[in-house]
Amino acid sequence: MFMDVVVFAGIATVLLMIGFFVGVAIFIVKDQKRHDKKAKVEVGRSQIGLS
């Protein structure tokens, strides 16, 4: 295949899109873990009657 500027631009675009979606996935996983931890604390407090 002839490696033209357009081919390099297409490869770069695909790599940037993959990087973006991986970053979004990492953010979602970290945010979900943080919210799960907070929800467990809130559930625990409401069971004791401190809510």
N, C-alpha and C. Protein backbone atom coordinates (compact mmCIF):
# COMPACT_ATOMS: atom_id res chain seq x y z
N MET A 1 0.85 -1.17 0.00
CA MET A 1 0.00 0.00 0.00
C MET A 1 0.90 1.24 0.00
N PHE A 2 0.53 2.22 -0.77
CA PHE A 2 1.28 3.47 -0.83
C PHE A 2 0.93 4.31 0.39
N MET A 3 1.94 4.63 1.19
CA MET A 3 1.71 5.38 2.43
C MET A 3 1.70 6.88 2.11
N ASP A 4 0.53 7.41 1.99
CA ASP A 4 0.34 8.82 1.66
C ASP A 4 -0.02 9.56 2.95
N VAL A 5 -0.05 10.86 2.88
CA VAL A 5 -0.42 11.69 4.03
C VAL A 5 -1.83 11.36 4.49
N VAL A 6 -2.70 11.05 3.55
CA VAL A 6 -4.08 10.73 3.90
C VAL A 6 -4.15 9.44 4.71
N VAL A 7 -3.31 8.46 4.38
CA VAL A 7 -3.28 7.21 5.12
C VAL A 7 -2.82 7.47 6.55
N PHE A 8 -1.75 8.27 6.71
CA PHE A 8 -1.27 8.61 8.05
C PHE A 8 -2.33 9.38 8.84
N ALA A 9 -3.03 10.27 8.20
CA ALA A 9 -4.09 11.02 8.87
C ALA A 9 -5.22 10.09 9.30
N GLY A 10 -5.57 9.12 8.48
CA GLY A 10 -6.61 8.17 8.84
C GLY A 10 -6.20 7.30 10.01
N ILE A 11 -4.96 6.82 10.00
CA ILE A 11 -4.47 6.01 11.11
C ILE A 11 -4.45 6.84 12.39
N ALA A 12 -3.99 8.08 12.30
CA ALA A 12 -3.95 8.95 13.48
C ALA A 12 -5.36 9.21 14.01
N THR A 13 -6.31 9.40 13.12
CA THR A 13 -7.69 9.64 13.53
C THR A 13 -8.26 8.44 14.27
N VAL A 14 -8.01 7.25 13.74
CA VAL A 14 -8.50 6.03 14.39
C VAL A 14 -7.86 5.87 15.77
N LEU A 15 -6.56 6.09 15.86
CA LEU A 15 -5.86 5.97 17.14
C LEU A 15 -6.37 6.99 18.16
N LEU A 16 -6.64 8.20 17.71
CA LEU A 16 -7.20 9.22 18.61
C LEU A 16 -8.59 8.84 19.10
N MET A 17 -9.41 8.29 18.21
CA MET A 17 -10.76 7.86 18.62
C MET A 17 -10.68 6.72 19.63
N ILE A 18 -9.79 5.76 19.39
CA ILE A 18 -9.63 4.65 20.33
C ILE A 18 -9.15 5.18 21.68
N GLY A 19 -8.18 6.09 21.67
CA GLY A 19 -7.69 6.68 22.90
C GLY A 19 -8.78 7.44 23.65
N PHE A 20 -9.61 8.15 22.93
CA PHE A 20 -10.70 8.90 23.55
C PHE A 20 -11.68 7.96 24.24
N PHE A 21 -12.09 6.90 23.55
CA PHE A 21 -13.06 5.98 24.13
C PHE A 21 -12.47 5.18 25.30
N VAL A 22 -11.18 4.87 25.24
CA VAL A 22 -10.53 4.21 26.36
C VAL A 22 -10.51 5.16 27.56
N GLY A 23 -10.22 6.43 27.32
CA GLY A 23 -10.24 7.42 28.40
C GLY A 23 -11.63 7.57 29.02
N VAL A 24 -12.64 7.60 28.20
CA VAL A 24 -14.01 7.69 28.71
C VAL A 24 -14.36 6.44 29.52
N ALA A 25 -13.94 5.27 29.05
CA ALA A 25 -14.22 4.03 29.77
C ALA A 25 -13.52 4.03 31.13
N ILE A 26 -12.27 4.49 31.18
CA ILE A 26 -11.53 4.56 32.45
C ILE A 26 -12.23 5.52 33.40
N PHE A 27 -12.68 6.66 32.88
CA PHE A 27 -13.40 7.63 33.72
C PHE A 27 -14.68 7.02 34.28
N ILE A 28 -15.43 6.30 33.46
CA ILE A 28 -16.69 5.70 33.90
C ILE A 28 -16.43 4.65 34.98
N VAL A 29 -15.41 3.82 34.79
CA VAL A 29 -15.11 2.78 35.78
C VAL A 29 -14.71 3.41 37.11
N LYS A 30 -13.83 4.42 37.08
CA LYS A 30 -13.41 5.08 38.32
C LYS A 30 -14.59 5.78 39.00
N ASP A 31 -15.43 6.43 38.21
CA ASP A 31 -16.58 7.14 38.78
C ASP A 31 -17.58 6.16 39.38
N GLN A 32 -17.77 5.03 38.72
CA GLN A 32 -18.70 4.02 39.24
C GLN A 32 -18.20 3.46 40.56
N LYS A 33 -16.90 3.21 40.67
CA LYS A 33 -16.34 2.71 41.92
C LYS A 33 -16.52 3.72 43.04
N ARG A 34 -16.32 5.00 42.73
CA ARG A 34 -16.48 6.05 43.74
C ARG A 34 -17.93 6.14 44.20
N HIS A 35 -18.88 6.04 43.27
CA HIS A 35 -20.29 6.11 43.64
C HIS A 35 -20.75 4.87 44.39
N ASP A 36 -20.20 3.71 44.04
CA ASP A 36 -20.54 2.48 44.76
C ASP A 36 -20.09 2.58 46.22
N LYS A 37 -18.89 3.12 46.43
CA LYS A 37 -18.38 3.26 47.78
C LYS A 37 -19.26 4.22 48.59
N LYS A 38 -19.68 5.32 47.97
CA LYS A 38 -20.52 6.30 48.65
C LYS A 38 -21.90 5.70 48.96
N ALA A 39 -22.45 4.91 48.03
CA ALA A 39 -23.77 4.31 48.23
C ALA A 39 -23.74 3.31 49.38
N LYS A 40 -22.65 2.57 49.52
CA LYS A 40 -22.55 1.61 50.61
C LYS A 40 -22.52 2.33 51.96
N VAL A 41 -21.84 3.46 52.02
CA VAL A 41 -21.79 4.23 53.27
C VAL A 41 -23.17 4.76 53.61
N GLU A 42 -23.89 5.28 52.62
CA GLU A 42 -25.22 5.83 52.86
C GLU A 42 -26.20 4.73 53.28
N VAL A 43 -26.11 3.56 52.67
CA VAL A 43 -27.00 2.45 53.04
C VAL A 43 -26.70 2.03 54.46
N GLY A 44 -25.43 1.94 54.81
CA GLY A 44 -25.06 1.54 56.15
C GLY A 44 -25.57 2.52 57.20
N ARG A 45 -25.50 3.80 56.93
CA ARG A 45 -25.95 4.80 57.90
C ARG A 45 -27.46 4.76 58.06
N SER A 46 -28.19 4.52 56.97
CA SER A 46 -29.66 4.51 57.08
C SER A 46 -30.13 3.28 57.84
N GLN A 47 -29.38 2.19 57.79
CA GLN A 47 -29.77 0.99 58.54
C GLN A 47 -29.59 1.19 60.03
N ILE A 48 -28.61 2.01 60.41
CA ILE A 48 -28.38 2.26 61.83
C ILE A 48 -29.41 3.25 62.35
N GLY A 49 -29.93 4.09 61.48
CA GLY A 49 -30.92 5.07 61.88
C GLY A 49 -30.34 6.46 62.03
N LEU A 50 -29.21 6.71 61.38
CA LEU A 50 -28.56 8.02 61.48
C LEU A 50 -28.92 8.93 60.33
N SER A 51 -29.79 8.53 59.43
CA SER A 51 -30.06 9.32 58.25
C SER A 51 -30.93 10.52 58.54
